[in-house]
Amino acid sequence: VLITLGTLVGQALVAIPAAYGFARYRFKGRNTLFGLV
């Protein structure tokens, strides 16, 4: 339970702002970074 909840919270904290940045911001190397993802 602890490891599952920790993974869920950690993924939300990382994936949500990262996805928002890739979706709504234009910056140099965006496509390359997204390709690495």
All heavy atoms as atom14 arrays in JSON, in Angstrom:
{
  "sequence": "VLITLGTLVGQALVAIPAAYGFARYRFKGRNTLFGLV",
  "atom14_mask": [
    [1, 1, 1, 1, 1, 1, 1, 0, 0, 0, 0, 0, 0, 0],
    [1, 1, 1, 1, 1, 1, 1, 1, 0, 0, 0, 0, 0, 0],
    [1, 1, 1, 1, 1, 1, 1, 1, 0, 0, 0, 0, 0, 0],
    [1, 1, 1, 1, 1, 1, 1, 0, 0, 0, 0, 0, 0, 0],
    [1, 1, 1, 1, 1, 1, 1, 1, 0, 0, 0, 0, 0, 0],
    [1, 1, 1, 1, 0, 0, 0, 0, 0, 0, 0, 0, 0, 0],
    [1, 1, 1, 1, 1, 1, 1, 0, 0, 0, 0, 0, 0, 0],
    [1, 1, 1, 1, 1, 1, 1, 1, 0, 0, 0, 0, 0, 0],
    [1, 1, 1, 1, 1, 1, 1, 0, 0, 0, 0, 0, 0, 0],
    [1, 1, 1, 1, 0, 0, 0, 0, 0, 0, 0, 0, 0, 0],
    [1, 1, 1, 1, 1, 1, 1, 1, 1, 0, 0, 0, 0, 0],
    [1, 1, 1, 1, 1, 0, 0, 0, 0, 0, 0, 0, 0, 0],
    [1, 1, 1, 1, 1, 1, 1, 1, 0, 0, 0, 0, 0, 0],
    [1, 1, 1, 1, 1, 1, 1, 0, 0, 0, 0, 0, 0, 0],
    [1, 1, 1, 1, 1, 0, 0, 0, 0, 0, 0, 0, 0, 0],
    [1, 1, 1, 1, 1, 1, 1, 1, 0, 0, 0, 0, 0, 0],
    [1, 1, 1, 1, 1, 1, 1, 0, 0, 0, 0, 0, 0, 0],
    [1, 1, 1, 1, 1, 0, 0, 0, 0, 0, 0, 0, 0, 0],
    [1, 1, 1, 1, 1, 0, 0, 0, 0, 0, 0, 0, 0, 0],
    [1, 1, 1, 1, 1, 1, 1, 1, 1, 1, 1, 1, 0, 0],
    [1, 1, 1, 1, 0, 0, 0, 0, 0, 0, 0, 0, 0, 0],
    [1, 1, 1, 1, 1, 1, 1, 1, 1, 1, 1, 0, 0, 0],
    [1, 1, 1, 1, 1, 0, 0, 0, 0, 0, 0, 0, 0, 0],
    [1, 1, 1, 1, 1, 1, 1, 1, 1, 1, 1, 0, 0, 0],
    [1, 1, 1, 1, 1, 1, 1, 1, 1, 1, 1, 1, 0, 0],
    [1, 1, 1, 1, 1, 1, 1, 1, 1, 1, 1, 0, 0, 0],
    [1, 1, 1, 1, 1, 1, 1, 1, 1, 1, 1, 0, 0, 0],
    [1, 1, 1, 1, 1, 1, 1, 1, 1, 0, 0, 0, 0, 0],
    [1, 1, 1, 1, 0, 0, 0, 0, 0, 0, 0, 0, 0, 0],
    [1, 1, 1, 1, 1, 1, 1, 1, 1, 1, 1, 0, 0, 0],
    [1, 1, 1, 1, 1, 1, 1, 1, 0, 0, 0, 0, 0, 0],
    [1, 1, 1, 1, 1, 1, 1, 0, 0, 0, 0, 0, 0, 0],
    [1, 1, 1, 1, 1, 1, 1, 1, 0, 0, 0, 0, 0, 0],
    [1, 1, 1, 1, 1, 1, 1, 1, 1, 1, 1, 0, 0, 0],
    [1, 1, 1, 1, 0, 0, 0, 0, 0, 0, 0, 0, 0, 0],
    [1, 1, 1, 1, 1, 1, 1, 1, 0, 0, 0, 0, 0, 0],
    [1, 1, 1, 1, 1, 1, 1, 0, 0, 0, 0, 0, 0, 0]
  ],
  "atom14_positions": [
    [[0.84, -1.2, 0.0], [0.0, 0.0, 0.0], [0.87, 1.25, 0.0], [0.64, 2.19, -0.78], [-0.95, 0.0, 1.21], [-1.64, 1.34, 1.35], [-1.99, -1.12, 1.08], [0.0, 0.0, 0.0], [0.0, 0.0, 0.0], [0.0, 0.0, 0.0], [0.0, 0.0, 0.0], [0.0, 0.0, 0.0], [0.0, 0.0, 0.0], [0.0, 0.0, 0.0]],
    [[1.88, 1.28, 0.85], [2.75, 2.46, 0.95], [3.51, 2.71, -0.34], [3.57, 3.85, -0.84], [3.72, 2.28, 2.12], [4.65, 3.46, 2.42], [3.83, 4.71, 2.75], [5.59, 3.13, 3.57], [0.0, 0.0, 0.0], [0.0, 0.0, 0.0], [0.0, 0.0, 0.0], [0.0, 0.0, 0.0], [0.0, 0.0, 0.0], [0.0, 0.0, 0.0]],
    [[4.07, 1.67, -0.93], [4.85, 1.83, -2.16], [3.94, 2.21, -3.33], [4.29, 3.06, -4.15], [5.62, 0.53, -2.46], [6.71, 0.33, -1.41], [6.22, 0.56, -3.85], [7.36, -1.04, -1.43], [0.0, 0.0, 0.0], [0.0, 0.0, 0.0], [0.0, 0.0, 0.0], [0.0, 0.0, 0.0], [0.0, 0.0, 0.0], [0.0, 0.0, 0.0]],
    [[2.76, 1.62, -3.39], [1.82, 1.95, -4.47], [1.36, 3.4, -4.37], [1.35, 4.13, -5.37], [0.61, 1.01, -4.43], [1.06, -0.34, -4.57], [-0.35, 1.34, -5.56], [0.0, 0.0, 0.0], [0.0, 0.0, 0.0], [0.0, 0.0, 0.0], [0.0, 0.0, 0.0], [0.0, 0.0, 0.0], [0.0, 0.0, 0.0], [0.0, 0.0, 0.0]],
    [[0.98, 3.84, -3.18], [0.55, 5.23, -3.01], [1.7, 6.2, -3.28], [1.5, 7.25, -3.91], [0.02, 5.44, -1.59], [-1.31, 4.75, -1.26], [-1.69, 5.01, 0.2], [-2.42, 5.24, -2.18], [0.0, 0.0, 0.0], [0.0, 0.0, 0.0], [0.0, 0.0, 0.0], [0.0, 0.0, 0.0], [0.0, 0.0, 0.0], [0.0, 0.0, 0.0]],
    [[2.89, 5.86, -2.83], [4.04, 6.72, -3.1], [4.33, 6.85, -4.58], [4.65, 7.95, -5.06], [0.0, 0.0, 0.0], [0.0, 0.0, 0.0], [0.0, 0.0, 0.0], [0.0, 0.0, 0.0], [0.0, 0.0, 0.0], [0.0, 0.0, 0.0], [0.0, 0.0, 0.0], [0.0, 0.0, 0.0], [0.0, 0.0, 0.0], [0.0, 0.0, 0.0]],
    [[4.2, 5.75, -5.31], [4.42, 5.8, -6.76], [3.35, 6.63, -7.45], [3.65, 7.41, -8.36], [4.45, 4.37, -7.33], [5.45, 3.6, -6.65], [4.77, 4.39, -8.82], [0.0, 0.0, 0.0], [0.0, 0.0, 0.0], [0.0, 0.0, 0.0], [0.0, 0.0, 0.0], [0.0, 0.0, 0.0], [0.0, 0.0, 0.0], [0.0, 0.0, 0.0]],
    [[2.1, 6.47, -7.03], [1.01, 7.24, -7.64], [1.2, 8.74, -7.41], [1.07, 9.54, -8.35], [-0.33, 6.79, -7.04], [-0.86, 5.43, -7.5], [-2.05, 5.01, -6.65], [-1.27, 5.49, -8.96], [0.0, 0.0, 0.0], [0.0, 0.0, 0.0], [0.0, 0.0, 0.0], [0.0, 0.0, 0.0], [0.0, 0.0, 0.0], [0.0, 0.0, 0.0]],
    [[1.52, 9.11, -6.18], [1.72, 10.54, -5.88], [2.94, 11.08, -6.62], [2.91, 12.18, -7.19], [1.87, 10.74, -4.36], [2.26, 12.18, -4.04], [0.57, 10.38, -3.64], [0.0, 0.0, 0.0], [0.0, 0.0, 0.0], [0.0, 0.0, 0.0], [0.0, 0.0, 0.0], [0.0, 0.0, 0.0], [0.0, 0.0, 0.0], [0.0, 0.0, 0.0]],
    [[4.03, 10.3, -6.63], [5.24, 10.75, -7.32], [5.02, 10.92, -8.81], [5.47, 11.92, -9.4], [0.0, 0.0, 0.0], [0.0, 0.0, 0.0], [0.0, 0.0, 0.0], [0.0, 0.0, 0.0], [0.0, 0.0, 0.0], [0.0, 0.0, 0.0], [0.0, 0.0, 0.0], [0.0, 0.0, 0.0], [0.0, 0.0, 0.0], [0.0, 0.0, 0.0]],
    [[4.31, 10.0, -9.44], [4.03, 10.14, -10.87], [3.17, 11.36, -11.15], [3.37, 12.06, -12.15], [3.32, 8.88, -11.39], [4.27, 7.74, -11.69], [3.62, 6.67, -12.56], [2.55, 6.87, -13.13], [4.28, 5.53, -12.67], [0.0, 0.0, 0.0], [0.0, 0.0, 0.0], [0.0, 0.0, 0.0], [0.0, 0.0, 0.0], [0.0, 0.0, 0.0]],
    [[2.19, 11.62, -10.29], [1.35, 12.8, -10.5], [2.18, 14.08, -10.4], [2.02, 15.0, -11.22], [0.21, 12.82, -9.48], [0.0, 0.0, 0.0], [0.0, 0.0, 0.0], [0.0, 0.0, 0.0], [0.0, 0.0, 0.0], [0.0, 0.0, 0.0], [0.0, 0.0, 0.0], [0.0, 0.0, 0.0], [0.0, 0.0, 0.0], [0.0, 0.0, 0.0]],
    [[3.06, 14.16, -9.42], [3.87, 15.37, -9.23], [4.84, 15.6, -10.38], [5.2, 16.75, -10.68], [4.64, 15.28, -7.91], [3.78, 15.3, -6.64], [4.66, 15.11, -5.41], [3.01, 16.61, -6.53], [0.0, 0.0, 0.0], [0.0, 0.0, 0.0], [0.0, 0.0, 0.0], [0.0, 0.0, 0.0], [0.0, 0.0, 0.0], [0.0, 0.0, 0.0]],
    [[5.28, 14.53, -11.04], [6.24, 14.67, -12.13], [5.53, 14.78, -13.48], [5.83, 15.65, -14.3], [7.21, 13.47, -12.15], [8.08, 13.49, -13.41], [8.08, 13.49, -10.9], [0.0, 0.0, 0.0], [0.0, 0.0, 0.0], [0.0, 0.0, 0.0], [0.0, 0.0, 0.0], [0.0, 0.0, 0.0], [0.0, 0.0, 0.0], [0.0, 0.0, 0.0]],
    [[4.55, 13.91, -13.73], [3.95, 13.81, -15.07], [3.06, 15.0, -15.4], [3.06, 15.48, -16.54], [3.15, 12.52, -15.18], [0.0, 0.0, 0.0], [0.0, 0.0, 0.0], [0.0, 0.0, 0.0], [0.0, 0.0, 0.0], [0.0, 0.0, 0.0], [0.0, 0.0, 0.0], [0.0, 0.0, 0.0], [0.0, 0.0, 0.0], [0.0, 0.0, 0.0]],
    [[2.3, 15.5, -14.42], [1.35, 16.58, -14.72], [2.07, 17.85, -15.16], [1.76, 18.39, -16.24], [0.42, 16.83, -13.52], [-0.52, 15.64, -13.33], [-0.39, 18.11, -13.72], [-1.36, 15.71, -12.07], [0.0, 0.0, 0.0], [0.0, 0.0, 0.0], [0.0, 0.0, 0.0], [0.0, 0.0, 0.0], [0.0, 0.0, 0.0], [0.0, 0.0, 0.0]],
    [[3.02, 18.4, -14.4], [3.71, 19.61, -14.89], [4.55, 19.36, -16.14], [4.65, 20.24, -17.0], [4.59, 20.03, -13.7], [4.71, 18.82, -12.85], [3.45, 18.05, -13.04], [0.0, 0.0, 0.0], [0.0, 0.0, 0.0], [0.0, 0.0, 0.0], [0.0, 0.0, 0.0], [0.0, 0.0, 0.0], [0.0, 0.0, 0.0], [0.0, 0.0, 0.0]],
    [[5.14, 18.16, -16.26], [5.93, 17.87, -17.46], [5.03, 17.84, -18.7], [5.37, 18.41, -19.74], [6.65, 16.53, -17.3], [0.0, 0.0, 0.0], [0.0, 0.0, 0.0], [0.0, 0.0, 0.0], [0.0, 0.0, 0.0], [0.0, 0.0, 0.0], [0.0, 0.0, 0.0], [0.0, 0.0, 0.0], [0.0, 0.0, 0.0], [0.0, 0.0, 0.0]],
    [[3.88, 17.17, -18.59], [2.96, 17.12, -19.72], [2.42, 18.5, -20.07], [2.26, 18.84, -21.25], [1.8, 16.17, -19.4], [0.0, 0.0, 0.0], [0.0, 0.0, 0.0], [0.0, 0.0, 0.0], [0.0, 0.0, 0.0], [0.0, 0.0, 0.0], [0.0, 0.0, 0.0], [0.0, 0.0, 0.0], [0.0, 0.0, 0.0], [0.0, 0.0, 0.0]],
    [[2.15, 19.31, -19.06], [1.66, 20.68, -19.3], [2.71, 21.5, -20.03], [2.4, 22.27, -20.95], [1.29, 21.33, -17.97], [0.8, 22.75, -18.1], [-0.44, 23.03, -18.65], [1.57, 23.82, -17.65], [-0.9, 24.33, -18.77], [1.12, 25.12, -17.76], [-0.11, 25.36, -18.32], [-0.56, 26.66, -18.44], [0.0, 0.0, 0.0], [0.0, 0.0, 0.0]],
    [[3.97, 21.36, -19.63], [5.04, 22.09, -20.29], [5.2, 21.68, -21.74], [5.36, 22.53, -22.63], [0.0, 0.0, 0.0], [0.0, 0.0, 0.0], [0.0, 0.0, 0.0], [0.0, 0.0, 0.0], [0.0, 0.0, 0.0], [0.0, 0.0, 0.0], [0.0, 0.0, 0.0], [0.0, 0.0, 0.0], [0.0, 0.0, 0.0], [0.0, 0.0, 0.0]],
    [[5.17, 20.37, -22.02], [5.29, 19.9, -23.39], [4.09, 20.3, -24.25], [4.21, 20.51, -25.45], [5.45, 18.37, -23.42], [6.83, 17.9, -23.08], [7.04, 17.01, -22.04], [7.93, 18.33, -23.8], [8.32, 16.56, -21.72], [9.21, 17.9, -23.5], [9.4, 17.01, -22.45], [0.0, 0.0, 0.0], [0.0, 0.0, 0.0], [0.0, 0.0, 0.0]],
    [[2.91, 20.39, -23.62], [1.7, 20.68, -24.39], [1.5, 22.16, -24.65], [0.96, 22.54, -25.7], [0.48, 20.12, -23.66], [0.0, 0.0, 0.0], [0.0, 0.0, 0.0], [0.0, 0.0, 0.0], [0.0, 0.0, 0.0], [0.0, 0.0, 0.0], [0.0, 0.0, 0.0], [0.0, 0.0, 0.0], [0.0, 0.0, 0.0], [0.0, 0.0, 0.0]],
    [[1.93, 23.03, -23.73], [1.55, 24.44, -23.8], [2.69, 25.44, -23.89], [2.45, 26.64, -24.0], [0.7, 24.77, -22.55], [-0.66, 24.08, -22.56], [-1.45, 24.52, -23.76], [-2.72, 23.81, -23.9], [-3.61, 24.05, -24.83], [-3.35, 24.99, -25.74], [-4.73, 23.37, -24.91], [0.0, 0.0, 0.0], [0.0, 0.0, 0.0], [0.0, 0.0, 0.0]],
    [[3.92, 24.96, -23.85], [5.05, 25.89, -23.92], [5.9, 25.59, -25.15], [6.06, 24.43, -25.53], [5.91, 25.79, -22.66], [5.34, 26.53, -21.47], [4.5, 25.89, -20.57], [5.62, 27.88, -21.27], [3.97, 26.55, -19.49], [5.1, 28.56, -20.18], [4.27, 27.9, -19.31], [3.73, 28.57, -18.24], [0.0, 0.0, 0.0], [0.0, 0.0, 0.0]],
    [[6.42, 26.64, -25.74], [7.35, 26.52, -26.85], [8.74, 26.87, -26.35], [8.98, 27.98, -25.88], [6.97, 27.48, -27.98], [5.55, 27.3, -28.5], [5.45, 26.12, -29.43], [4.09, 25.98, -29.96], [3.73, 25.01, -30.78], [4.65, 24.12, -31.18], [2.49, 24.92, -31.21], [0.0, 0.0, 0.0], [0.0, 0.0, 0.0], [0.0, 0.0, 0.0]],
    [[9.66, 25.95, -26.43], [11.02, 26.22, -25.99], [11.98, 25.4, -26.84], [11.61, 24.4, -27.46], [11.21, 25.9, -24.5], [10.8, 24.51, -24.1], [11.7, 23.45, -24.16], [9.5, 24.25, -23.67], [11.33, 22.18, -23.8], [9.12, 22.98, -23.3], [10.03, 21.94, -23.36], [0.0, 0.0, 0.0], [0.0, 0.0, 0.0], [0.0, 0.0, 0.0]],
    [[13.21, 25.81, -26.86], [14.23, 25.18, -27.68], [14.48, 23.74, -27.21], [14.7, 23.5, -26.02], [15.52, 25.99, -27.63], [16.59, 25.5, -28.6], [17.81, 26.41, -28.58], [18.87, 25.93, -29.57], [20.07, 26.82, -29.56], [0.0, 0.0, 0.0], [0.0, 0.0, 0.0], [0.0, 0.0, 0.0], [0.0, 0.0, 0.0], [0.0, 0.0, 0.0]],
    [[14.47, 22.83, -28.13], [14.72, 21.42, -27.8], [13.51, 20.68, -27.28], [13.65, 19.54, -26.81], [0.0, 0.0, 0.0], [0.0, 0.0, 0.0], [0.0, 0.0, 0.0], [0.0, 0.0, 0.0], [0.0, 0.0, 0.0], [0.0, 0.0, 0.0], [0.0, 0.0, 0.0], [0.0, 0.0, 0.0], [0.0, 0.0, 0.0], [0.0, 0.0, 0.0]],
    [[12.33, 21.29, -27.39], [11.13, 20.63, -26.85], [10.88, 19.29, -27.53], [10.63, 18.28, -26.86], [9.91, 21.54, -27.02], [8.66, 20.98, -26.36], [7.43, 21.81, -26.67], [7.05, 21.71, -28.08], [5.85, 22.07, -28.55], [4.93, 22.55, -27.72], [5.57, 21.96, -29.83], [0.0, 0.0, 0.0], [0.0, 0.0, 0.0], [0.0, 0.0, 0.0]],
    [[10.92, 19.27, -28.85], [10.64, 18.03, -29.57], [11.68, 16.95, -29.28], [11.36, 15.77, -29.18], [10.57, 18.31, -31.07], [9.38, 19.18, -31.44], [8.38, 19.22, -30.74], [9.52, 19.91, -32.55], [0.0, 0.0, 0.0], [0.0, 0.0, 0.0], [0.0, 0.0, 0.0], [0.0, 0.0, 0.0], [0.0, 0.0, 0.0], [0.0, 0.0, 0.0]],
    [[12.94, 17.38, -29.13], [13.99, 16.41, -28.82], [13.77, 15.8, -27.44], [13.88, 14.58, -27.26], [15.37, 17.09, -28.88], [15.57, 17.63, -30.19], [16.47, 16.09, -28.57], [0.0, 0.0, 0.0], [0.0, 0.0, 0.0], [0.0, 0.0, 0.0], [0.0, 0.0, 0.0], [0.0, 0.0, 0.0], [0.0, 0.0, 0.0], [0.0, 0.0, 0.0]],
    [[13.46, 16.65, -26.48], [13.21, 16.15, -25.12], [12.0, 15.23, -25.08], [12.02, 14.19, -24.42], [13.02, 17.33, -24.16], [14.26, 18.16, -23.84], [13.89, 19.35, -22.97], [15.31, 17.3, -23.15], [0.0, 0.0, 0.0], [0.0, 0.0, 0.0], [0.0, 0.0, 0.0], [0.0, 0.0, 0.0], [0.0, 0.0, 0.0], [0.0, 0.0, 0.0]],
    [[10.97, 15.62, -25.82], [9.78, 14.77, -25.82], [10.07, 13.44, -26.51], [9.54, 12.39, -26.11], [8.62, 15.49, -26.53], [7.32, 14.75, -26.43], [6.69, 14.59, -25.2], [6.72, 14.23, -27.56], [5.49, 13.9, -25.11], [5.52, 13.55, -27.48], [4.9, 13.38, -26.25], [0.0, 0.0, 0.0], [0.0, 0.0, 0.0], [0.0, 0.0, 0.0]],
    [[10.9, 13.48, -27.53], [11.32, 12.23, -28.18], [12.07, 11.32, -27.21], [11.89, 10.1, -27.23], [0.0, 0.0, 0.0], [0.0, 0.0, 0.0], [0.0, 0.0, 0.0], [0.0, 0.0, 0.0], [0.0, 0.0, 0.0], [0.0, 0.0, 0.0], [0.0, 0.0, 0.0], [0.0, 0.0, 0.0], [0.0, 0.0, 0.0], [0.0, 0.0, 0.0]],
    [[12.9, 11.91, -26.36], [13.62, 11.12, -25.35], [12.64, 10.51, -24.35], [12.82, 9.38, -23.9], [14.65, 12.0, -24.63], [15.84, 12.46, -25.46], [16.71, 13.4, -24.65], [16.66, 11.26, -25.94], [0.0, 0.0, 0.0], [0.0, 0.0, 0.0], [0.0, 0.0, 0.0], [0.0, 0.0, 0.0], [0.0, 0.0, 0.0], [0.0, 0.0, 0.0]],
    [[11.61, 11.29, -24.0], [10.58, 10.76, -23.08], [9.9, 9.54, -23.71], [9.7, 8.52, -23.05], [9.54, 11.85, -22.75], [8.35, 11.24, -22.01], [10.18, 12.94, -21.9], [0.0, 0.0, 0.0], [0.0, 0.0, 0.0], [0.0, 0.0, 0.0], [0.0, 0.0, 0.0], [0.0, 0.0, 0.0], [0.0, 0.0, 0.0], [0.0, 0.0, 0.0]]
  ]
}
